[in-house]
Amino acid sequence: MPEGITTESLAHDIMEAIHDGVSKHHDMPFFEGDSSKYVKSQVNRLFGRDKPVHHLLGGGKSADLLLWRNKTMSAGALTGATIVWLIFEWLEYQFLTLASFVLFLGMIVQFVWSNASVFINQSQGGVPRLVLPEEYFVNIGRMVGVKVNRALDFLQDVSCGGDLKQFFLVVGALWAAAIIGTWCNFLTLIYIGFIAAHTLPVLYDQYEDEVDGFASNAIRQLQLNYRKLDTSVLSRIPKAASFRTKKWD
């Protein structure tokens, strides 16, 4: 046995090596019964998210509505949207006709109520009146204005930015939206989006592991195809800055 190494020190080193190996194995999730969490952490989440779906949807009642945490409210919203779509699409009611019909019924109800209150010795002040708060319309107008201005700023930045790749991508997206618009009218498109908003999040919340795995593979394949397109076609398109440089030269 070499000098400086005794039987006691050798045995001590072997016991420490065994102890370190056992402690490393105990750190693995298979010994703690949480292998599912370990496997789940290895899945690439969609859009790189690290928070639950409920938190990404804003939390609160709106997220509960989209994730069907309150089944009564979610079913009521979906049923109401379906009824509105059926009225305008299948029954072919026009908005002016429907609005006039609703106002007509409202006036009839108030007229009967106010005249009936005279016979039962009640004041006409008990007739309910519908008053919509002005702040509601102001907030809606402000929100719509902010969204529209952001969209216009983005489109103008793309048009004047000189990046031809981004320009062609945005033009292609608008062209695809125009093609989709020929397949159905605006109300049907909104209804399809409403249905998707009330079905896709809850399905993703239940099957997020399978969806994330499939989406990561699809995104990887799309990135590979885009690199091929960029190498063969897009990279050969000169930018606007190069045109200006050649012109001044």
Protein backbone atom coordinates (compact mmCIF):
# COMPACT_ATOMS: atom_id res chain seq x y z
CA MET A 1 0.00 0.00 0.00
CA PRO A 2 1.50 3.44 -0.87
CA GLU A 3 2.82 5.68 1.86
CA GLY A 4 0.36 8.12 3.46
CA ILE A 5 -2.64 5.89 2.75
CA THR A 6 -3.86 3.79 5.65
CA THR A 7 -6.65 1.25 5.88
CA GLU A 8 -8.74 3.64 7.96
CA SER A 9 -8.40 6.52 5.48
CA LEU A 10 -9.22 4.26 2.53
CA ALA A 11 -12.35 2.94 4.25
CA HIS A 12 -13.37 6.51 5.13
CA ASP A 13 -13.00 7.62 1.51
CA ILE A 14 -15.11 4.68 0.27
CA MET A 15 -17.89 5.45 2.78
CA GLU A 16 -17.95 9.13 1.74
CA ALA A 17 -18.19 8.17 -1.94
CA ILE A 18 -21.12 5.83 -1.20
CA HIS A 19 -22.84 8.52 0.87
CA ASP A 20 -22.46 11.13 -1.89
CA GLY A 21 -23.87 8.73 -4.47
CA VAL A 22 -26.89 7.91 -2.32
CA SER A 23 -27.58 11.58 -1.61
CA LYS A 24 -27.46 12.38 -5.34
CA HIS A 25 -29.91 9.59 -6.07
CA HIS A 26 -32.25 10.86 -3.37
CA ASP A 27 -32.24 14.27 -5.02
CA MET A 28 -33.79 12.73 -8.12
CA PRO A 29 -37.60 13.04 -8.35
CA PHE A 30 -38.12 9.26 -8.50
CA PHE A 31 -37.29 8.94 -4.79
CA GLU A 32 -39.61 11.75 -3.75
CA GLY A 33 -42.66 10.69 -5.70
CA ASP A 34 -42.80 13.81 -7.88
CA SER A 35 -41.57 12.39 -11.16
CA SER A 36 -44.53 13.96 -12.95
CA LYS A 37 -43.42 17.42 -11.87
CA TYR A 38 -39.89 16.67 -13.05
CA VAL A 39 -41.10 15.51 -16.45
CA LYS A 40 -43.51 18.44 -16.68
CA SER A 41 -40.67 20.90 -16.04
CA GLN A 42 -38.76 19.48 -18.99
CA VAL A 43 -41.54 20.38 -21.45
CA ASN A 44 -41.06 23.64 -23.31
CA ARG A 45 -44.08 25.76 -22.48
CA LEU A 46 -45.91 27.51 -25.30
CA PHE A 47 -44.54 31.05 -25.92
CA GLY A 48 -41.96 30.41 -23.17
CA ARG A 49 -44.48 31.00 -20.40
CA ASP A 50 -43.69 30.15 -16.80
CA LYS A 51 -47.05 31.05 -15.23
CA PRO A 52 -50.41 29.25 -15.13
CA VAL A 53 -52.96 29.82 -17.87
CA HIS A 54 -55.33 31.47 -15.40
CA HIS A 55 -52.70 34.11 -14.57
CA LEU A 56 -51.91 34.74 -18.25
CA LEU A 57 -55.60 35.43 -18.95
CA GLY A 58 -55.55 38.23 -16.41
CA GLY A 59 -56.96 36.33 -13.45
CA GLY A 60 -60.20 37.31 -11.80
CA LYS A 61 -63.65 36.83 -13.27
CA SER A 62 -62.58 37.14 -16.91
CA ALA A 63 -60.15 34.23 -16.59
CA ASP A 64 -62.75 32.22 -14.64
CA LEU A 65 -65.19 32.86 -17.48
CA LEU A 66 -62.81 31.67 -20.21
CA LEU A 67 -61.62 28.65 -18.22
CA TRP A 68 -65.15 27.62 -17.18
CA ARG A 69 -64.42 27.95 -13.47
CA ASN A 70 -67.94 29.35 -13.19
CA LYS A 71 -69.87 27.07 -15.52
CA THR A 72 -73.11 29.04 -15.20
CA MET A 73 -71.56 32.31 -16.37
CA SER A 74 -69.54 30.65 -19.14
CA ALA A 75 -72.52 28.73 -20.45
CA GLY A 76 -74.68 31.86 -20.28
CA ALA A 77 -72.16 33.95 -22.23
CA LEU A 78 -71.77 31.24 -24.87
CA THR A 79 -75.54 30.79 -25.16
CA GLY A 80 -76.12 34.54 -25.44
CA ALA A 81 -73.54 34.89 -28.21
CA THR A 82 -75.07 31.94 -30.05
CA ILE A 83 -78.56 33.45 -29.82
CA VAL A 84 -77.32 36.79 -31.16
CA TRP A 85 -75.55 35.06 -34.04
CA LEU A 86 -78.63 32.99 -34.88
CA ILE A 87 -80.87 36.07 -34.84
CA PHE A 88 -78.70 38.00 -37.30
CA GLU A 89 -77.48 35.11 -39.48
CA TRP A 90 -80.23 32.48 -39.60
CA LEU A 91 -83.28 34.65 -39.00
CA GLU A 92 -81.63 37.43 -41.04
CA TYR A 93 -82.70 40.25 -38.75
CA GLN A 94 -81.13 43.63 -39.42
CA PHE A 95 -79.70 45.60 -36.53
CA LEU A 96 -82.02 48.56 -37.07
CA THR A 97 -85.07 46.25 -37.17
CA LEU A 98 -84.05 44.44 -33.99
CA ALA A 99 -83.18 47.65 -32.13
CA SER A 100 -86.50 49.23 -33.11
CA PHE A 101 -88.39 46.11 -32.03
CA VAL A 102 -86.65 46.05 -28.62
CA LEU A 103 -87.30 49.76 -28.05
CA PHE A 104 -90.92 49.28 -29.11
CA LEU A 105 -91.41 46.51 -26.54
CA GLY A 106 -89.68 48.60 -23.86
CA MET A 107 -92.00 51.55 -24.49
CA ILE A 108 -95.07 49.29 -24.38
CA VAL A 109 -93.99 47.84 -21.03
CA GLN A 110 -93.35 51.28 -19.53
CA PHE A 111 -96.62 52.61 -20.91
CA VAL A 112 -98.64 49.77 -19.38
CA TRP A 113 -96.71 50.00 -16.10
CA SER A 114 -97.21 53.78 -15.76
CA ASN A 115 -100.94 53.59 -16.52
CA ALA A 116 -101.49 50.56 -14.30
CA SER A 117 -99.84 52.39 -11.39
CA VAL A 118 -102.64 55.01 -11.53
CA PHE A 119 -105.31 52.36 -10.95
CA ILE A 120 -103.46 50.76 -8.03
CA ASN A 121 -102.77 54.14 -6.37
CA GLN A 122 -99.00 54.20 -6.93
CA SER A 123 -96.89 57.07 -8.14
CA GLN A 124 -95.42 57.01 -11.62
CA GLY A 125 -92.00 57.46 -10.07
CA GLY A 126 -91.94 53.72 -9.40
CA VAL A 127 -91.62 52.90 -13.11
CA PRO A 128 -88.04 51.69 -13.73
CA ARG A 129 -85.90 53.73 -16.10
CA LEU A 130 -82.81 52.52 -17.94
CA VAL A 131 -79.85 54.88 -17.67
CA LEU A 132 -76.45 53.87 -19.04
CA PRO A 133 -73.43 55.48 -17.36
CA GLU A 134 -71.43 57.82 -19.58
CA GLU A 135 -68.13 56.48 -18.20
CA TYR A 136 -68.93 53.13 -19.80
CA PHE A 137 -68.93 54.59 -23.30
CA VAL A 138 -65.93 56.83 -22.56
CA ASN A 139 -63.85 53.85 -21.41
CA ILE A 140 -64.84 51.81 -24.45
CA GLY A 141 -63.98 54.67 -26.81
CA ARG A 142 -60.65 55.25 -25.09
CA MET A 143 -59.74 51.56 -25.21
CA VAL A 144 -60.67 51.26 -28.89
CA GLY A 145 -58.73 54.41 -29.72
CA VAL A 146 -55.58 53.11 -28.00
CA LYS A 147 -55.76 49.77 -29.84
CA VAL A 148 -56.37 51.40 -33.22
CA ASN A 149 -53.50 53.86 -32.77
CA ARG A 150 -51.13 51.05 -31.79
CA ALA A 151 -52.09 49.07 -34.87
CA LEU A 152 -51.63 52.12 -37.12
CA ASP A 153 -48.24 52.90 -35.56
CA PHE A 154 -47.10 49.32 -36.12
CA LEU A 155 -48.20 49.29 -39.77
CA GLN A 156 -46.56 52.65 -40.46
CA ASP A 157 -43.34 51.57 -38.74
CA VAL A 158 -43.26 48.48 -40.94
CA SER A 159 -43.93 50.54 -44.08
CA CYS A 160 -41.21 53.11 -43.33
CA GLY A 161 -38.72 50.91 -41.49
CA GLY A 162 -36.95 49.57 -44.57
CA ASP A 163 -37.11 45.94 -43.43
CA LEU A 164 -38.43 44.15 -46.52
CA LYS A 165 -38.75 40.79 -44.76
CA GLN A 166 -41.08 42.17 -42.11
CA PHE A 167 -42.92 44.20 -44.73
CA PHE A 168 -43.67 41.14 -46.87
CA LEU A 169 -44.70 39.12 -43.79
CA VAL A 170 -47.21 41.79 -42.70
CA VAL A 171 -48.53 42.20 -46.26
CA GLY A 172 -48.95 38.43 -46.50
CA ALA A 173 -50.85 38.35 -43.19
CA LEU A 174 -53.19 41.12 -44.37
CA TRP A 175 -53.71 39.32 -47.66
CA ALA A 176 -54.60 36.10 -45.78
CA ALA A 177 -57.04 38.07 -43.60
CA ALA A 178 -58.66 39.50 -46.74
CA ILE A 179 -59.06 35.98 -48.16
CA ILE A 180 -60.60 34.73 -44.92
CA GLY A 181 -62.98 37.71 -44.97
CA THR A 182 -64.43 36.48 -48.26
CA TRP A 183 -65.43 33.18 -46.68
CA CYS A 184 -67.70 34.67 -44.00
CA ASN A 185 -69.01 38.04 -42.88
CA PHE A 186 -67.66 40.10 -40.00
CA LEU A 187 -70.28 38.96 -37.47
CA THR A 188 -69.57 35.29 -38.14
CA LEU A 189 -65.85 35.94 -37.79
CA ILE A 190 -66.41 37.60 -34.42
CA TYR A 191 -68.60 34.70 -33.34
CA ILE A 192 -65.93 32.17 -34.34
CA GLY A 193 -63.37 34.14 -32.33
CA PHE A 194 -65.75 34.23 -29.34
CA ILE A 195 -66.26 30.46 -29.52
CA ALA A 196 -62.51 29.90 -29.79
CA ALA A 197 -61.87 32.15 -26.78
CA HIS A 198 -64.30 30.08 -24.69
CA THR A 199 -63.09 26.65 -25.79
CA LEU A 200 -59.36 26.73 -26.65
CA PRO A 201 -58.07 28.06 -23.28
CA VAL A 202 -59.94 25.45 -21.23
CA LEU A 203 -58.83 22.65 -23.55
CA TYR A 204 -55.25 23.87 -23.36
CA ASP A 205 -55.47 24.08 -19.57
CA GLN A 206 -56.48 20.40 -19.44
CA TYR A 207 -54.05 19.06 -22.07
CA GLU A 208 -51.20 21.57 -21.83
CA ASP A 209 -48.41 18.95 -21.75
CA GLU A 210 -49.53 17.33 -25.00
CA VAL A 211 -50.16 20.68 -26.69
CA ASP A 212 -46.82 22.14 -25.57
CA GLY A 213 -44.94 19.10 -26.85
CA PHE A 214 -46.67 19.22 -30.22
CA ALA A 215 -46.29 23.02 -30.48
CA SER A 216 -42.57 22.91 -29.67
CA ASN A 217 -41.99 20.35 -32.43
CA ALA A 218 -44.10 22.36 -34.90
CA ILE A 219 -42.31 25.62 -34.05
CA ARG A 220 -38.94 23.91 -34.42
CA GLN A 221 -39.94 22.63 -37.86
CA LEU A 222 -41.24 26.07 -38.89
CA GLN A 223 -38.00 27.69 -37.77
CA LEU A 224 -36.04 25.17 -39.83
CA ASN A 225 -38.15 25.87 -42.91
CA TYR A 226 -37.85 29.63 -42.38
CA ARG A 227 -34.05 29.36 -42.18
CA LYS A 228 -34.07 27.52 -45.50
CA LEU A 229 -36.31 30.20 -47.04
CA ASP A 230 -34.18 32.96 -45.56
CA THR A 231 -30.97 31.43 -46.89
CA SER A 232 -32.29 30.74 -50.38
CA VAL A 233 -34.63 33.72 -51.01
CA LEU A 234 -35.05 36.39 -48.34
CA SER A 235 -31.37 37.00 -47.64
CA ARG A 236 -30.82 37.84 -51.32
CA ILE A 237 -33.41 40.66 -51.26
CA PRO A 238 -31.57 43.99 -50.87
CA LYS A 239 -32.74 46.33 -48.14
CA ALA A 240 -33.86 49.90 -48.70
CA ALA A 241 -30.70 51.24 -47.05
CA SER A 242 -28.52 49.53 -49.65
CA PHE A 243 -30.58 51.14 -52.44
CA ARG A 244 -30.02 54.57 -50.89
CA THR A 245 -26.28 53.91 -50.55
CA LYS A 246 -25.95 52.85 -54.18
CA LYS A 247 -28.01 55.82 -55.31
CA TRP A 248 -25.82 58.33 -53.48
CA ASP A 249 -22.67 56.56 -54.66
